[in-house]
C-alpha atoms as a PDB file:
ATOM      1  CA  MET A   1     117.250 102.114 126.216  1.00  0.00           C
ATOM      2  CA  TYR A   2     114.209 100.011 127.122  1.00  0.00           C
ATOM      3  CA  LYS A   3     116.507  97.231 128.277  1.00  0.00           C
ATOM      4  CA  VAL A   4     118.561  99.674 130.359  1.00  0.00           C
ATOM      5  CA  VAL A   5     115.594 101.086 132.269  1.00  0.00           C
ATOM      6  CA  SER A   6     113.570  97.882 132.600  1.00  0.00           C
ATOM      7  CA  ASN A   7     116.558  95.595 133.199  1.00  0.00           C
ATOM      8  CA  SER A   8     114.900  93.022 130.950  1.00  0.00           C
ATOM      9  CA  ASP A   9     115.914  91.377 127.717  1.00  0.00           C
ATOM     10  CA  SER A  10     112.703  92.380 125.906  1.00  0.00           C
ATOM     11  CA  ASP A  11     113.268  94.222 122.647  1.00  0.00           C
ATOM     12  CA  LEU A  12     111.215  97.344 122.008  1.00  0.00           C
ATOM     13  CA  LYS A  13     110.433  97.666 118.314  1.00  0.00           C
ATOM     14  CA  ILE A  14     109.201 100.761 116.539  1.00  0.00           C
ATOM     15  CA  GLU A  15     106.970 100.583 113.468  1.00  0.00           C
ATOM     16  CA  TYR A  16     106.429 103.641 111.261  1.00  0.00           C
ATOM     17  CA  LEU A  17     102.918 103.811 109.795  1.00  0.00           C
ATOM     18  CA  PRO A  18     102.710 106.310 106.936  1.00  0.00           C
ATOM     19  CA  ASN A  19      99.368 107.973 106.144  1.00  0.00           C
ATOM     20  CA  THR A  20      99.861 107.518 102.410  1.00  0.00           C
ATOM     21  CA  TYR A  21     101.100 104.443 100.598  1.00  0.00           C
ATOM     22  CA  LYS A  22     100.714 105.073  96.890  1.00  0.00           C
ATOM     23  CA  ASN A  23     101.302 108.077  94.649  1.00  0.00           C
ATOM     24  CA  ILE A  24     101.112 110.937  97.160  1.00  0.00           C
ATOM     25  CA  LYS A  25     100.426 113.585  94.487  1.00  0.00           C
ATOM     26  CA  LYS A  26      97.500 111.574  93.150  1.00  0.00           C
ATOM     27  CA  GLU A  27      96.119 111.085  96.678  1.00  0.00           C
ATOM     28  CA  PHE A  28      96.413 114.831  97.457  1.00  0.00           C
ATOM     29  CA  VAL A  29      94.527 115.710  94.264  1.00  0.00           C
ATOM     30  CA  ALA A  30      91.821 113.134  95.043  1.00  0.00           C
ATOM     31  CA  LYS A  31      91.352 114.510  98.591  1.00  0.00           C
ATOM     32  CA  TYR A  32      91.545 118.213  97.649  1.00  0.00           C
ATOM     33  CA  GLN A  33      87.792 118.904  97.778  1.00  0.00           C
ATOM     34  CA  TYR A  34      87.442 116.933 101.014  1.00  0.00           C
ATOM     35  CA  ASP A  35      90.274 119.012 102.530  1.00  0.00           C
ATOM     36  CA  ILE A  36      88.429 122.220 101.593  1.00  0.00           C
ATOM     37  CA  ILE A  37      85.167 120.955 103.139  1.00  0.00           C
ATOM     38  CA  THR A  38      86.841 119.808 106.370  1.00  0.00           C
ATOM     39  CA  GLY A  39      89.145 122.830 106.561  1.00  0.00           C
ATOM     40  CA  THR A  40      92.238 120.703 107.103  1.00  0.00           C
ATOM     41  CA  THR A  41      94.781 118.660 105.196  1.00  0.00           C
ATOM     42  CA  ASN A  42      93.775 115.028 105.625  1.00  0.00           C
ATOM     43  CA  LEU A  43      96.879 113.453 104.073  1.00  0.00           C
ATOM     44  CA  GLY A  44     100.540 113.914 104.822  1.00  0.00           C
ATOM     45  CA  VAL A  45     103.283 113.234 107.341  1.00  0.00           C
ATOM     46  CA  HIS A  46     101.353 115.029 110.096  1.00  0.00           C
ATOM     47  CA  ARG A  47      98.869 112.125 109.898  1.00  0.00           C
ATOM     48  CA  ASP A  48     101.551 109.426 110.086  1.00  0.00           C
ATOM     49  CA  ASP A  49     101.804 107.316 113.219  1.00  0.00           C
ATOM     50  CA  ILE A  50     104.337 105.303 115.165  1.00  0.00           C
ATOM     51  CA  GLU A  51     103.570 102.022 116.927  1.00  0.00           C
ATOM     52  CA  PHE A  52     105.695 100.573 119.700  1.00  0.00           C
ATOM     53  CA  ILE A  53     105.846  96.795 119.926  1.00  0.00           C
ATOM     54  CA  LEU A  54     106.991  94.816 122.955  1.00  0.00           C
ATOM     55  CA  ARG A  55     107.056  90.992 122.920  1.00  0.00           C
ATOM     56  CA  ASP A  56     105.128  90.971 119.599  1.00  0.00           C
ATOM     57  CA  SER A  57     102.219  93.046 121.014  1.00  0.00           C
ATOM     58  CA  TYR A  58     101.370  96.712 120.634  1.00  0.00           C
ATOM     59  CA  VAL A  59     102.366  98.692 123.721  1.00  0.00           C
ATOM     60  CA  LYS A  60      99.325 100.982 123.651  1.00  0.00           C
ATOM     61  CA  THR A  61      96.887  98.063 123.861  1.00  0.00           C
ATOM     62  CA  HIS A  62      98.750  95.252 125.620  1.00  0.00           C
ATOM     63  CA  ALA A  63     101.441  96.741 127.870  1.00  0.00           C
ATOM     64  CA  SER A  64     101.148  97.298 131.599  1.00  0.00           C
ATOM     65  CA  GLN A  65     101.260 100.846 132.960  1.00  0.00           C
ATOM     66  CA  GLY A  66     104.916 100.319 133.953  1.00  0.00           C
ATOM     67  CA  GLU A  67     105.816  99.016 130.501  1.00  0.00           C
ATOM     68  CA  LEU A  68     104.049 101.964 128.889  1.00  0.00           C
ATOM     69  CA  ARG A  69     105.893 104.488 131.093  1.00  0.00           C
ATOM     70  CA  THR A  70     109.177 102.692 130.477  1.00  0.00           C
ATOM     71  CA  THR A  71     108.577 102.817 126.710  1.00  0.00           C
ATOM     72  CA  VAL A  72     108.057 106.585 126.796  1.00  0.00           C
ATOM     73  CA  LEU A  73     111.144 107.030 128.956  1.00  0.00           C
ATOM     74  CA  ALA A  74     113.228 104.766 126.703  1.00  0.00           C
ATOM     75  CA  VAL A  75     112.310 106.842 123.650  1.00  0.00           C
ATOM     76  CA  LYS A  76     113.220 110.034 125.511  1.00  0.00           C
ATOM     77  CA  LEU A  77     116.595 108.591 126.575  1.00  0.00           C
ATOM     78  CA  ALA A  78     117.254 107.378 123.020  1.00  0.00           C
ATOM     79  CA  LEU A  79     116.612 110.923 121.807  1.00  0.00           C
ATOM     80  CA  VAL A  80     119.084 112.225 124.422  1.00  0.00           C
ATOM     81  CA  GLU A  81     121.717 109.787 123.114  1.00  0.00           C
ATOM     82  CA  PHE A  82     120.926 110.794 119.515  1.00  0.00           C
ATOM     83  CA  ILE A  83     121.506 114.453 120.382  1.00  0.00           C
ATOM     84  CA  LYS A  84     124.764 113.573 122.161  1.00  0.00           C
ATOM     85  CA  LYS A  85     125.958 111.640 119.127  1.00  0.00           C
ATOM     86  CA  HIS A  86     125.189 114.456 116.674  1.00  0.00           C
ATOM     87  CA  LYS A  87     125.930 117.542 118.793  1.00  0.00           C
ATOM     88  CA  GLY A  88     128.796 116.215 120.909  1.00  0.00           C
ATOM     89  CA  GLU A  89     127.144 117.006 124.240  1.00  0.00           C
ATOM     90  CA  TYR A  90     124.132 115.938 126.223  1.00  0.00           C
ATOM     91  CA  PRO A  91     121.064 118.174 126.363  1.00  0.00           C
ATOM     92  CA  VAL A  92     119.513 119.050 129.703  1.00  0.00           C
ATOM     93  CA  LEU A  93     117.025 116.305 130.551  1.00  0.00           C
ATOM     94  CA  LEU A  94     113.715 117.302 132.127  1.00  0.00           C
ATOM     95  CA  LEU A  95     111.754 114.552 133.882  1.00  0.00           C
ATOM     96  CA  ASP A  96     108.431 115.735 135.276  1.00  0.00           C
ATOM     97  CA  ASP A  97     107.211 113.421 138.057  1.00  0.00           C
ATOM     98  CA  VAL A  98     108.478 110.362 136.172  1.00  0.00           C
ATOM     99  CA  LEU A  99     109.892 108.519 139.196  1.00  0.00           C
ATOM    100  CA  SER A 100     106.510 108.139 140.878  1.00  0.00           C
ATOM    101  CA  GLU A 101     105.332 106.258 137.790  1.00  0.00           C
ATOM    102  CA  LEU A 102     108.124 103.668 137.958  1.00  0.00           C
ATOM    103  CA  ASP A 103     108.745 100.799 140.340  1.00  0.00           C
ATOM    104  CA  LEU A 104     111.849 100.945 142.548  1.00  0.00           C
ATOM    105  CA  ASN A 105     113.911  98.766 140.206  1.00  0.00           C
ATOM    106  CA  ARG A 106     113.184 100.996 137.197  1.00  0.00           C
ATOM    107  CA  GLN A 107     113.794 104.131 139.278  1.00  0.00           C
ATOM    108  CA  ASN A 108     117.217 102.834 140.296  1.00  0.00           C
ATOM    109  CA  ASN A 109     118.086 101.837 136.719  1.00  0.00           C
ATOM    110  CA  LEU A 110     117.157 105.305 135.464  1.00  0.00           C
ATOM    111  CA  ILE A 111     119.097 107.088 138.204  1.00  0.00           C
ATOM    112  CA  LYS A 112     122.111 104.844 137.614  1.00  0.00           C
ATOM    113  CA  TYR A 113     121.996 105.647 133.884  1.00  0.00           C
ATOM    114  CA  ILE A 114     121.759 109.438 134.215  1.00  0.00           C
ATOM    115  CA  ASN A 115     124.041 109.764 137.265  1.00  0.00           C
ATOM    116  CA  ASP A 116     127.155 111.854 136.520  1.00  0.00           C
ATOM    117  CA  LYS A 117     126.305 111.688 132.814  1.00  0.00           C
ATOM    118  CA  ILE A 118     123.334 113.900 131.984  1.00  0.00           C
ATOM    119  CA  GLN A 119     122.346 117.133 133.726  1.00  0.00           C
ATOM    120  CA  THR A 120     118.801 116.332 134.764  1.00  0.00           C
ATOM    121  CA  PHE A 121     115.983 118.177 136.477  1.00  0.00           C
ATOM    122  CA  ILE A 122     113.527 115.817 138.147  1.00  0.00           C
ATOM    123  CA  THR A 123     110.282 117.062 139.647  1.00  0.00           C
ATOM    124  CA  THR A 124     108.363 115.020 142.174  1.00  0.00           C
ATOM    125  CA  THR A 125     105.706 115.462 144.808  1.00  0.00           C
ATOM    126  CA  GLU A 126     107.353 113.006 147.202  1.00  0.00           C
ATOM    127  CA  VAL A 127     111.086 112.706 147.895  1.00  0.00           C
ATOM    128  CA  LYS A 128     111.011 110.067 150.620  1.00  0.00           C
ATOM    129  CA  ASN A 129     110.347 107.192 148.186  1.00  0.00           C
ATOM    130  CA  ILE A 130     113.388 108.003 146.039  1.00  0.00           C
ATOM    131  CA  ASP A 131     116.718 106.377 146.879  1.00  0.00           C
ATOM    132  CA  LEU A 132     118.931 109.472 146.728  1.00  0.00           C
ATOM    133  CA  SER A 133     121.959 107.432 147.806  1.00  0.00           C
ATOM    134  CA  LYS A 134     122.170 106.254 144.172  1.00  0.00           C
ATOM    135  CA  LEU A 135     123.038 109.826 143.115  1.00  0.00           C
ATOM    136  CA  SER A 136     126.574 111.065 143.603  1.00  0.00           C
ATOM    137  CA  ASN A 137     126.091 114.736 142.779  1.00  0.00           C
ATOM    138  CA  TYR A 138     122.730 116.427 143.220  1.00  0.00           C
ATOM    139  CA  SER A 139     120.927 119.384 144.737  1.00  0.00           C
ATOM    140  CA  LEU A 140     117.457 119.206 146.204  1.00  0.00           C
ATOM    141  CA  TYR A 141     115.005 122.096 146.193  1.00  0.00           C
ATOM    142  CA  LYS A 142     111.504 122.425 147.556  1.00  0.00           C
ATOM    143  CA  ILE A 143     108.860 124.769 146.191  1.00  0.00           C
ATOM    144  CA  HIS A 144     106.513 126.069 148.852  1.00  0.00           C
ATOM    145  CA  ASP A 145     104.148 129.034 148.638  1.00  0.00           C
ATOM    146  CA  GLY A 146     105.685 130.046 145.313  1.00  0.00           C
ATOM    147  CA  GLN A 147     109.231 130.148 146.691  1.00  0.00           C
ATOM    148  CA  ILE A 148     112.103 127.818 145.923  1.00  0.00           C
ATOM    149  CA  LYS A 149     113.976 126.712 149.017  1.00  0.00           C
ATOM    150  CA  GLU A 150     117.089 124.578 149.215  1.00  0.00           C
ATOM    151  CA  SER A 151     116.461 121.340 151.086  1.00  0.00           C
ATOM    152  CA  ASP A 152     118.431 118.534 152.640  1.00  0.00           C
ATOM    153  CA  THR A 153     118.095 114.916 151.514  1.00  0.00           C
ATOM    154  CA  TYR A 154     114.898 114.524 153.526  1.00  0.00           C
ATOM    155  CA  GLY A 155     113.118 117.367 151.788  1.00  0.00           C
ATOM    156  CA  THR A 156     113.152 119.686 154.796  1.00  0.00           C
ATOM    157  CA  ASN A 157     114.092 123.305 154.326  1.00  0.00           C
ATOM    158  CA  LEU A 158     117.589 124.501 155.093  1.00  0.00           C
ATOM    159  CA  TRP A 159     116.696 128.189 154.859  1.00  0.00           C
ATOM    160  CA  PHE A 160     113.667 130.398 154.824  1.00  0.00           C
ATOM    161  CA  LYS A 161     113.111 133.838 153.372  1.00  0.00           C
END
């Protein structure tokens, strides 16, 4: 999915970092008193982590803002495809102001990928920078003063209450 959105040949790798490595029961027993003092469980899957690696470097420390945003989006799209594979249909995809965080090339790649495939709700503060001609079937709405109003492709209202 990273390659689809970024239009690059860079592989995005995911590394699972477990919180415990040895005998988990022994580690829980050893940390029991510490857990009581701190009021929390300090070992377990809730403390595990995931690292994303791009071009042999960790994304969180070495990636550009665009690469970081693309990584998050790629994981979300991979999850959408996972759900499709196991449930037989796509979930509704919610993208909150994601297009403003991507360059035009990545925006177009994303729109091309979801177009006529995944029902998607995209929120944005600015419509004029989005190439809506890449979408074949969409509706545009504007929220103003707490009311939702249908809009044309330029973001102007078609009706008022």
